[in-house]
């Protein structure tokens, strides 16, 4: 059995990253979330990058 497809979400303003899973059958585009960045203490956009 295959494990989930793990992706890396990188902040647009710093080098902080989150790791999460992505269902490639349902989501074919690149993911973008607004999440909290602890290094800058603000909410920022995080975009999917290569692993």
PDB file of N, CA and C in Angstrom:
ATOM      1  N   UNK A   1       0.842  -1.188   0.000  1.00  0.00           N
ATOM      2  CA  UNK A   1       0.000   0.000   0.000  1.00  0.00           C
ATOM      3  C   UNK A   1       0.878   1.239   0.000  1.00  0.00           C
ATOM      4  N   UNK A   2       0.423   2.189  -0.717  1.00  0.00           N
ATOM      5  CA  UNK A   2       1.139   3.454  -0.819  1.00  0.00           C
ATOM      6  C   UNK A   2       0.771   4.366   0.340  1.00  0.00           C
ATOM      7  N   UNK A   3       1.740   5.086   0.830  1.00  0.00           N
ATOM      8  CA  UNK A   3       1.442   6.104   1.833  1.00  0.00           C
ATOM      9  C   UNK A   3       0.901   7.328   1.124  1.00  0.00           C
ATOM     10  N   UNK A   4       0.454   8.307   1.901  1.00  0.00           N
ATOM     11  CA  UNK A   4      -0.076   9.524   1.312  1.00  0.00           C
ATOM     12  C   UNK A   4       1.002  10.317   0.602  1.00  0.00           C
ATOM     13  N   UNK A   5       0.594  11.198  -0.262  1.00  0.00           N
ATOM     14  CA  UNK A   5       1.526  12.059  -0.969  1.00  0.00           C
ATOM     15  C   UNK A   5       1.798  13.268  -0.090  1.00  0.00           C
ATOM     16  N   UNK A   6       2.981  13.305   0.493  1.00  0.00           N
ATOM     17  CA  UNK A   6       3.336  14.399   1.371  1.00  0.00           C
ATOM     18  C   UNK A   6       3.869  15.559   0.547  1.00  0.00           C
ATOM     19  N   UNK A   7       3.476  16.759   0.946  1.00  0.00           N
ATOM     20  CA  UNK A   7       3.939  17.959   0.265  1.00  0.00           C
ATOM     21  C   UNK A   7       4.495  18.921   1.297  1.00  0.00           C
ATOM     22  N   UNK A   8       5.241  19.886   0.813  1.00  0.00           N
ATOM     23  CA  UNK A   8       5.832  20.905   1.660  1.00  0.00           C
ATOM     24  C   UNK A   8       5.190  22.241   1.309  1.00  0.00           C
ATOM     25  N   UNK A   9       4.725  22.957   2.321  1.00  0.00           N
ATOM     26  CA  UNK A   9       4.167  24.293   2.130  1.00  0.00           C
ATOM     27  C   UNK A   9       5.184  25.292   2.650  1.00  0.00           C
ATOM     28  N   UNK A  10       5.629  26.206   1.793  1.00  0.00           N
ATOM     29  CA  UNK A  10       6.639  27.187   2.176  1.00  0.00           C
ATOM     30  C   UNK A  10       6.029  28.573   2.224  1.00  0.00           C
ATOM     31  N   UNK A  11       6.434  29.340   3.212  1.00  0.00           N
ATOM     32  CA  UNK A  11       5.946  30.703   3.383  1.00  0.00           C
ATOM     33  C   UNK A  11       6.425  31.578   2.233  1.00  0.00           C
ATOM     34  N   UNK A  12       5.609  32.566   1.860  1.00  0.00           N
ATOM     35  CA  UNK A  12       5.997  33.480   0.791  1.00  0.00           C
ATOM     36  C   UNK A  12       6.925  34.579   1.293  1.00  0.00           C
ATOM     37  N   UNK A  13       6.949  34.812   2.623  1.00  0.00           N
ATOM     38  CA  UNK A  13       7.770  35.899   3.165  1.00  0.00           C
ATOM     39  C   UNK A  13       9.001  35.427   3.925  1.00  0.00           C
ATOM     40  N   UNK A  14       9.055  34.162   4.305  1.00  0.00           N
ATOM     41  CA  UNK A  14      10.228  33.640   5.008  1.00  0.00           C
ATOM     42  C   UNK A  14      10.469  32.209   4.550  1.00  0.00           C
ATOM     43  N   UNK A  15      11.407  31.543   5.180  1.00  0.00           N
ATOM     44  CA  UNK A  15      11.738  30.179   4.760  1.00  0.00           C
ATOM     45  C   UNK A  15      11.070  29.123   5.632  1.00  0.00           C
ATOM     46  N   UNK A  16      10.097  29.496   6.451  1.00  0.00           N
ATOM     47  CA  UNK A  16       9.401  28.550   7.322  1.00  0.00           C
ATOM     48  C   UNK A  16       8.529  27.618   6.488  1.00  0.00           C
ATOM     49  N   UNK A  17       8.471  26.319   6.857  1.00  0.00           N
ATOM     50  CA  UNK A  17       7.701  25.343   6.085  1.00  0.00           C
ATOM     51  C   UNK A  17       6.770  24.537   6.974  1.00  0.00           C
ATOM     52  N   UNK A  18       5.661  24.101   6.384  1.00  0.00           N
ATOM     53  CA  UNK A  18       4.738  23.135   6.973  1.00  0.00           C
ATOM     54  C   UNK A  18       4.759  21.896   6.093  1.00  0.00           C
ATOM     55  N   UNK A  19       4.469  20.736   6.672  1.00  0.00           N
ATOM     56  CA  UNK A  19       4.341  19.491   5.916  1.00  0.00           C
ATOM     57  C   UNK A  19       2.909  19.002   6.063  1.00  0.00           C
ATOM     58  N   UNK A  20       2.319  18.549   4.962  1.00  0.00           N
ATOM     59  CA  UNK A  20       0.947  18.061   4.987  1.00  0.00           C
ATOM     60  C   UNK A  20       0.770  17.021   3.889  1.00  0.00           C
ATOM     61  N   UNK A  21      -0.410  16.433   3.815  1.00  0.00           N
ATOM     62  CA  UNK A  21      -0.729  15.450   2.776  1.00  0.00           C
ATOM     63  C   UNK A  21      -1.647  16.074   1.740  1.00  0.00           C
ATOM     64  N   UNK A  22      -1.645  15.478   0.551  1.00  0.00           N
ATOM     65  CA  UNK A  22      -2.481  15.970  -0.536  1.00  0.00           C
ATOM     66  C   UNK A  22      -3.049  14.773  -1.287  1.00  0.00           C
ATOM     67  N   UNK A  23      -4.358  14.786  -1.535  1.00  0.00           N
ATOM     68  CA  UNK A  23      -4.994  13.752  -2.337  1.00  0.00           C
ATOM     69  C   UNK A  23      -4.898  14.183  -3.797  1.00  0.00           C
ATOM     70  N   UNK A  24      -4.031  13.537  -4.555  1.00  0.00           N
ATOM     71  CA  UNK A  24      -3.789  13.960  -5.938  1.00  0.00           C
ATOM     72  C   UNK A  24      -4.928  13.603  -6.881  1.00  0.00           C
ATOM     73  N   UNK A  25      -5.808  12.689  -6.478  1.00  0.00           N
ATOM     74  CA  UNK A  25      -6.949  12.363  -7.327  1.00  0.00           C
ATOM     75  C   UNK A  25      -7.983  13.477  -7.310  1.00  0.00           C
ATOM     76  N   UNK A  26      -8.135  14.143  -6.158  1.00  0.00           N
ATOM     77  CA  UNK A  26      -9.144  15.189  -6.028  1.00  0.00           C
ATOM     78  C   UNK A  26      -8.598  16.581  -6.303  1.00  0.00           C
ATOM     79  N   UNK A  27      -7.329  16.815  -5.969  1.00  0.00           N
ATOM     80  CA  UNK A  27      -6.737  18.146  -6.106  1.00  0.00           C
ATOM     81  C   UNK A  27      -5.560  18.050  -7.064  1.00  0.00           C
ATOM     82  N   UNK A  28      -5.690  18.648  -8.245  1.00  0.00           N
ATOM     83  CA  UNK A  28      -4.626  18.578  -9.240  1.00  0.00           C
ATOM     84  C   UNK A  28      -3.797  19.854  -9.299  1.00  0.00           C
ATOM     85  N   UNK A  29      -4.300  20.924  -8.731  1.00  0.00           N
ATOM     86  CA  UNK A  29      -3.574  22.196  -8.767  1.00  0.00           C
ATOM     87  C   UNK A  29      -2.659  22.302  -7.558  1.00  0.00           C
ATOM     88  N   UNK A  30      -1.827  23.347  -7.539  1.00  0.00           N
ATOM     89  CA  UNK A  30      -0.970  23.585  -6.385  1.00  0.00           C
ATOM     90  C   UNK A  30      -1.800  24.181  -5.264  1.00  0.00           C
ATOM     91  N   UNK A  31      -1.537  23.743  -4.055  1.00  0.00           N
ATOM     92  CA  UNK A  31      -2.295  24.185  -2.886  1.00  0.00           C
ATOM     93  C   UNK A  31      -1.694  25.471  -2.338  1.00  0.00           C
ATOM     94  N   UNK A  32      -2.565  26.357  -1.863  1.00  0.00           N
ATOM     95  CA  UNK A  32      -2.125  27.567  -1.180  1.00  0.00           C
ATOM     96  C   UNK A  32      -3.028  27.789   0.028  1.00  0.00           C
ATOM     97  N   UNK A  33      -2.429  27.932   1.197  1.00  0.00           N
ATOM     98  CA  UNK A  33      -3.156  28.163   2.439  1.00  0.00           C
ATOM     99  C   UNK A  33      -2.647  29.426   3.102  1.00  0.00           C
ATOM    100  N   UNK A  34      -3.508  30.021   3.945  1.00  0.00           N
ATOM    101  CA  UNK A  34      -3.058  31.080   4.841  1.00  0.00           C
ATOM    102  C   UNK A  34      -2.926  30.448   6.214  1.00  0.00           C
ATOM    103  N   UNK A  35      -1.699  30.429   6.730  1.00  0.00           N
ATOM    104  CA  UNK A  35      -1.418  29.800   8.015  1.00  0.00           C
ATOM    105  C   UNK A  35      -0.565  30.735   8.860  1.00  0.00           C
ATOM    106  N   UNK A  36      -0.447  30.401  10.127  1.00  0.00           N
ATOM    107  CA  UNK A  36       0.344  31.209  11.049  1.00  0.00           C
ATOM    108  C   UNK A  36       1.824  30.891  10.887  1.00  0.00           C
ATOM    109  N   UNK A  37       2.636  31.928  10.794  1.00  0.00           N
ATOM    110  CA  UNK A  37       4.078  31.774  10.710  1.00  0.00           C
ATOM    111  C   UNK A  37       4.679  32.196  12.047  1.00  0.00           C
ATOM    112  N   UNK A  38       5.233  31.259  12.824  1.00  0.00           N
ATOM    113  CA  UNK A  38       5.752  31.616  14.144  1.00  0.00           C
ATOM    114  C   UNK A  38       7.011  32.475  14.106  1.00  0.00           C
ATOM    115  N   UNK A  39       7.754  32.481  13.012  1.00  0.00           N
ATOM    116  CA  UNK A  39       8.961  33.305  12.962  1.00  0.00           C
ATOM    117  C   UNK A  39       8.635  34.781  12.812  1.00  0.00           C
ATOM    118  N   UNK A  40       7.537  35.101  12.111  1.00  0.00           N
ATOM    119  CA  UNK A  40       7.145  36.503  11.949  1.00  0.00           C
ATOM    120  C   UNK A  40       5.913  36.863  12.771  1.00  0.00           C
ATOM    121  N   UNK A  41       5.301  35.869  13.422  1.00  0.00           N
ATOM    122  CA  UNK A  41       4.107  36.059  14.275  1.00  0.00           C
ATOM    123  C   UNK A  41       2.937  36.683  13.521  1.00  0.00           C
ATOM    124  N   UNK A  42       2.737  36.290  12.265  1.00  0.00           N
ATOM    125  CA  UNK A  42       1.616  36.776  11.463  1.00  0.00           C
ATOM    126  C   UNK A  42       1.036  35.625  10.651  1.00  0.00           C
ATOM    127  N   UNK A  43      -0.143  35.853  10.072  1.00  0.00           N
ATOM    128  CA  UNK A  43      -0.727  34.907   9.130  1.00  0.00           C
ATOM    129  C   UNK A  43      -0.231  35.277   7.741  1.00  0.00           C
ATOM    130  N   UNK A  44       0.269  34.286   7.012  1.00  0.00           N
ATOM    131  CA  UNK A  44       0.829  34.510   5.682  1.00  0.00           C
ATOM    132  C   UNK A  44       0.363  33.412   4.737  1.00  0.00           C
ATOM    133  N   UNK A  45       0.556  33.649   3.458  1.00  0.00           N
ATOM    134  CA  UNK A  45       0.230  32.649   2.447  1.00  0.00           C
ATOM    135  C   UNK A  45       1.368  31.633   2.368  1.00  0.00           C
ATOM    136  N   UNK A  46       0.996  30.360   2.361  1.00  0.00           N
ATOM    137  CA  UNK A  46       1.941  29.263   2.196  1.00  0.00           C
ATOM    138  C   UNK A  46       1.581  28.546   0.909  1.00  0.00           C
ATOM    139  N   UNK A  47       2.557  28.338   0.034  1.00  0.00           N
ATOM    140  CA  UNK A  47       2.310  27.686  -1.244  1.00  0.00           C
ATOM    141  C   UNK A  47       3.067  26.364  -1.314  1.00  0.00           C
ATOM    142  N   UNK A  48       2.551  25.466  -2.135  1.00  0.00           N
ATOM    143  CA  UNK A  48       3.153  24.149  -2.299  1.00  0.00           C
ATOM    144  C   UNK A  48       4.463  24.264  -3.067  1.00  0.00           C
ATOM    145  N   UNK A  49       5.484  23.565  -2.589  1.00  0.00           N
ATOM    146  CA  UNK A  49       6.779  23.542  -3.261  1.00  0.00           C
ATOM    147  C   UNK A  49       7.183  22.100  -3.521  1.00  0.00           C
ATOM    148  N   UNK A  50       8.276  21.917  -4.237  1.00  0.00           N
ATOM    149  CA  UNK A  50       8.783  20.573  -4.475  1.00  0.00           C
ATOM    150  C   UNK A  50       9.341  20.007  -3.189  1.00  0.00           C
ATOM    151  N   UNK A  51       9.335  18.704  -3.072  1.00  0.00           N
ATOM    152  CA  UNK A  51       9.800  18.051  -1.853  1.00  0.00           C
ATOM    153  C   UNK A  51      11.290  17.987  -1.763  1.00  0.00           C
TER     154      UNK A  51
END
